[in-house]
Amino acid sequence: MKYHVVFDGKCNLCTNFAQLLKQFDREKIFSYIPMQDETTLAKFGITPTDCEAGMILIEINRPEKRWQGSEAAEEITRLLPMGEMFISAYRAIPGMKLIGDRAYEQIRDNRYQWFGERDETCDCI
């Protein structure tokens, strides 16, 4: 299966993450859409307001199947080699999921202050 990763193309952390994932994946599983590409996202029924909750992972063959925020990060990890084992171990540790969810929210809400904001949307993916 293939997936679209919807990421913030103005966030340095998000863009670097997408570029690293692209190198690691070699475009076998994932393609990338910046949150600022409102025309493409509208085809999936995704609005700019929807993007405020964090990155989105969309299954290409079944676009109604999607994950957002920390759930998207976990699913991306699960899809990578050895990822299933890592996610299973992560979820088995009591309280870890809650900590991960809260950490994701803090990073999402402070990403520009902590990691910087690009003047232009990254089209380098």
Protein backbone atom coordinates (compact mmCIF):
# COMPACT_ATOMS: atom_id res chain seq x y z
CA MET A 1 0.00 0.00 0.00
CA LYS A 2 0.99 3.59 -0.52
CA TYR A 3 0.30 6.65 1.60
CA HIS A 4 0.32 10.43 1.42
CA VAL A 5 2.05 12.22 4.28
CA VAL A 6 0.53 15.66 4.82
CA PHE A 7 3.16 17.78 6.60
CA ASP A 8 3.67 21.46 7.42
CA GLY A 9 5.82 22.75 4.57
CA LYS A 10 6.67 25.92 6.50
CA CYS A 11 7.95 24.14 9.62
CA ASN A 12 11.67 23.34 9.68
CA LEU A 13 11.18 20.23 11.84
CA CYS A 14 8.31 18.91 9.70
CA THR A 15 10.13 19.52 6.43
CA ASN A 16 13.34 17.92 7.70
CA PHE A 17 11.31 14.94 8.95
CA ALA A 18 9.64 14.55 5.52
CA GLN A 19 13.00 14.79 3.73
CA LEU A 20 14.56 12.19 6.05
CA LEU A 21 11.57 9.89 5.64
CA LYS A 22 11.80 10.27 1.86
CA GLN A 23 15.49 9.28 1.89
CA PHE A 24 14.83 6.32 4.17
CA ASP A 25 11.72 5.16 2.28
CA ARG A 26 13.06 5.86 -1.24
CA GLU A 27 9.49 6.71 -2.28
CA LYS A 28 8.32 3.11 -1.98
CA ILE A 29 5.54 3.74 0.53
CA PHE A 30 5.11 7.48 1.01
CA SER A 31 4.45 10.57 -1.07
CA TYR A 32 4.30 14.06 0.42
CA ILE A 33 1.81 16.93 0.40
CA PRO A 34 2.50 20.18 2.26
CA MET A 35 -0.41 21.43 4.37
CA GLN A 36 -0.20 24.67 2.42
CA ASP A 37 -1.32 22.89 -0.81
CA GLU A 38 -4.99 23.65 -0.22
CA THR A 39 -6.03 22.64 -3.75
CA THR A 40 -4.68 19.09 -3.42
CA LEU A 41 -5.93 18.71 0.14
CA ALA A 42 -9.42 19.83 -0.88
CA LYS A 43 -9.59 16.72 -3.09
CA PHE A 44 -9.39 14.70 0.14
CA GLY A 45 -11.87 16.94 1.97
CA ILE A 46 -9.09 18.35 4.17
CA THR A 47 -9.28 22.02 5.17
CA PRO A 48 -6.59 24.29 6.67
CA THR A 49 -8.47 24.00 9.98
CA ASP A 50 -8.18 20.20 9.80
CA CYS A 51 -4.41 20.57 9.47
CA GLU A 52 -4.16 22.41 12.79
CA ALA A 53 -4.39 19.05 14.61
CA GLY A 54 -1.07 17.92 13.10
CA MET A 55 0.30 15.81 10.30
CA ILE A 56 -2.04 13.51 8.42
CA LEU A 57 -1.38 10.12 6.87
CA ILE A 58 -3.78 9.08 4.09
CA GLU A 59 -3.98 5.62 2.54
CA ILE A 60 -3.96 6.33 -1.22
CA ASN A 61 -6.24 3.47 -2.30
CA ARG A 62 -8.73 4.18 0.50
CA PRO A 63 -8.47 7.93 1.21
CA GLU A 64 -11.15 7.70 3.88
CA LYS A 65 -8.60 5.69 5.89
CA ARG A 66 -6.41 8.25 7.63
CA TRP A 67 -4.52 9.00 10.80
CA GLN A 68 -3.66 12.35 12.32
CA GLY A 69 -1.22 13.76 14.84
CA SER A 70 0.57 11.25 17.05
CA GLU A 71 -1.53 8.44 15.51
CA ALA A 72 -0.05 9.35 12.09
CA ALA A 73 3.48 9.34 13.52
CA GLU A 74 2.90 5.91 15.05
CA GLU A 75 1.43 4.51 11.83
CA ILE A 76 4.33 5.87 9.76
CA THR A 77 6.76 4.21 12.17
CA ARG A 78 4.76 0.96 12.09
CA LEU A 79 4.97 0.86 8.28
CA LEU A 80 8.77 1.13 8.23
CA PRO A 81 11.04 -1.91 8.52
CA MET A 82 11.11 -3.13 12.13
CA GLY A 83 8.53 -0.47 12.94
CA GLU A 84 5.81 -2.90 14.01
CA MET A 85 8.11 -4.28 16.70
CA PHE A 86 9.03 -0.79 17.92
CA ILE A 87 5.40 0.40 18.08
CA SER A 88 4.30 -2.79 19.87
CA ALA A 89 6.99 -2.29 22.51
CA TYR A 90 6.14 1.43 22.82
CA ARG A 91 2.45 0.69 23.35
CA ALA A 92 3.20 -2.09 25.84
CA ILE A 93 4.88 0.30 28.29
CA PRO A 94 2.20 1.63 30.66
CA GLY A 95 1.61 5.36 30.18
CA MET A 96 3.93 5.68 27.20
CA LYS A 97 1.14 6.31 24.68
CA LEU A 98 -0.21 9.17 26.79
CA ILE A 99 3.27 10.66 27.17
CA GLY A 100 3.87 10.35 23.42
CA ASP A 101 0.52 11.97 22.61
CA ARG A 102 1.23 14.90 24.93
CA ALA A 103 4.77 15.31 23.61
CA TYR A 104 3.42 15.39 20.04
CA GLU A 105 0.89 18.09 21.02
CA GLN A 106 3.59 20.24 22.61
CA ILE A 107 5.85 19.95 19.57
CA ARG A 108 2.93 20.63 17.20
CA ASP A 109 1.82 23.69 19.12
CA ASN A 110 5.33 25.15 19.51
CA ARG A 111 7.02 23.98 16.30
CA TYR A 112 7.66 27.45 14.84
CA GLN A 113 9.04 28.86 18.11
CA TRP A 114 11.25 25.83 18.79
CA PHE A 115 12.37 24.86 15.27
CA GLY A 116 11.70 27.90 13.09
CA GLU A 117 9.33 28.80 10.29
CA ARG A 118 10.30 29.00 6.63
CA ASP A 119 9.43 32.09 4.62
CA GLU A 120 8.32 29.89 1.71
CA THR A 121 6.57 26.51 1.66
CA CYS A 122 9.13 23.79 1.05
CA ASP A 123 8.75 22.31 -2.41
CA CYS A 124 11.87 20.20 -1.98
CA ILE A 125 10.07 16.94 -1.20
